[in-house]
Amino acid sequence: MPPLGGDLGQSARAAAAAALDSGAAGDYEGTHPDEDVDELANLLMSWYYAGYYTGQYSKRGDADEEQESEAYHAAY
C-alpha cells in the first residue's frame, strides 16, 4: 500500500512487475512485455477498488440498519 498521497497506479505497476519477475504470474524467465505489466496492474487496481467500495457499501448498510433500529425503539 502506498503512503497517503502516493501514486496508487505506480505502486500497482511496481507490484505487477515484481509478481511477473518472481514467476508468481507465469514463467517469463526474467523478461516480460510492458503490456503484461500494465494488464496485471489494471487487474490489481480493479481488485483493490472493488474491495474498497464493497467495504464502503457495507459500512453504509450497517449505518442504515442502525438508524432504523433506533427509530423503531424510539417509537415503541
Protein backbone atom coordinates (compact mmCIF):
# COMPACT_ATOMS: atom_id res chain seq x y z
CA MET A 1 0.00 0.00 0.00
CA PRO A 2 1.48 3.35 -0.97
CA PRO A 3 1.72 6.16 1.57
CA LEU A 4 -1.14 8.63 1.75
CA GLY A 5 -0.91 10.97 -1.18
CA GLY A 6 1.19 8.42 -3.06
CA ASP A 7 0.57 7.27 -6.59
CA LEU A 8 -1.52 4.11 -6.32
CA GLY A 9 -1.17 3.37 -10.03
CA GLN A 10 2.61 3.49 -9.82
CA SER A 11 2.51 1.20 -6.79
CA ALA A 12 0.25 -1.28 -8.61
CA ARG A 13 2.57 -1.27 -11.62
CA ALA A 14 5.59 -1.94 -9.37
CA ALA A 15 3.71 -4.80 -7.64
CA ALA A 16 2.74 -6.27 -11.01
CA ALA A 17 6.32 -6.10 -12.28
CA ALA A 18 7.56 -7.76 -9.08
CA ALA A 19 4.98 -10.55 -9.40
CA LEU A 20 5.99 -11.18 -13.00
CA ASP A 21 9.69 -11.10 -12.11
CA SER A 22 9.20 -13.61 -9.29
CA GLY A 23 7.37 -16.05 -11.54
CA ALA A 24 4.19 -15.81 -9.47
CA ALA A 25 2.17 -14.89 -12.57
CA GLY A 26 3.73 -17.31 -15.04
CA ASP A 27 7.13 -18.31 -16.37
CA TYR A 28 8.72 -15.32 -18.10
CA GLU A 29 12.35 -16.21 -17.33
CA GLY A 30 13.00 -12.68 -16.09
CA THR A 31 11.64 -10.87 -19.14
CA HIS A 32 8.12 -9.69 -19.70
CA PRO A 33 6.45 -7.24 -22.07
CA ASP A 34 5.28 -3.92 -20.67
CA GLU A 35 1.76 -4.77 -21.86
CA ASP A 36 1.69 -7.69 -19.41
CA VAL A 37 2.77 -5.43 -16.56
CA ASP A 38 0.06 -2.91 -17.45
CA GLU A 39 -2.63 -5.60 -17.71
CA LEU A 40 -1.71 -7.12 -14.35
CA ALA A 41 -1.52 -3.65 -12.75
CA ASN A 42 -5.03 -2.89 -14.06
CA LEU A 43 -6.29 -6.17 -12.60
CA LEU A 44 -4.70 -5.37 -9.22
CA MET A 45 -6.23 -1.87 -9.24
CA SER A 46 -9.70 -3.19 -10.08
CA TRP A 47 -9.41 -5.78 -7.29
CA TYR A 48 -8.31 -3.08 -4.83
CA TYR A 49 -11.13 -0.71 -5.73
CA ALA A 50 -13.77 -3.47 -5.74
CA GLY A 51 -12.78 -4.31 -2.17
CA TYR A 52 -12.68 -0.67 -1.14
CA TYR A 53 -16.15 0.13 -2.47
CA THR A 54 -17.59 -3.13 -1.12
CA GLY A 55 -16.40 -2.04 2.32
CA GLN A 56 -17.85 1.44 1.87
CA TYR A 57 -21.20 0.00 0.82
CA SER A 58 -21.16 -2.43 3.73
CA LYS A 59 -20.50 0.36 6.24
CA ARG A 60 -23.32 2.41 4.75
CA GLY A 61 -25.71 -0.53 5.06
CA ASP A 62 -24.75 -1.03 8.70
CA ALA A 63 -25.42 2.64 9.46
CA ASP A 64 -28.84 2.49 7.76
CA GLU A 65 -29.82 -0.58 9.79
CA GLU A 66 -28.67 1.10 13.00
CA GLN A 67 -30.76 4.22 12.29
CA GLU A 68 -33.84 2.12 11.52
CA SER A 69 -33.37 0.17 14.77
CA GLU A 70 -33.01 3.37 16.80
CA ALA A 71 -36.13 4.86 15.17
CA TYR A 72 -38.11 1.68 15.88
CA HIS A 73 -37.08 1.58 19.55
CA ALA A 74 -37.78 5.30 19.99
CA ALA A 75 -41.29 4.86 18.61
CA TYR A 76 -42.15 1.92 20.85
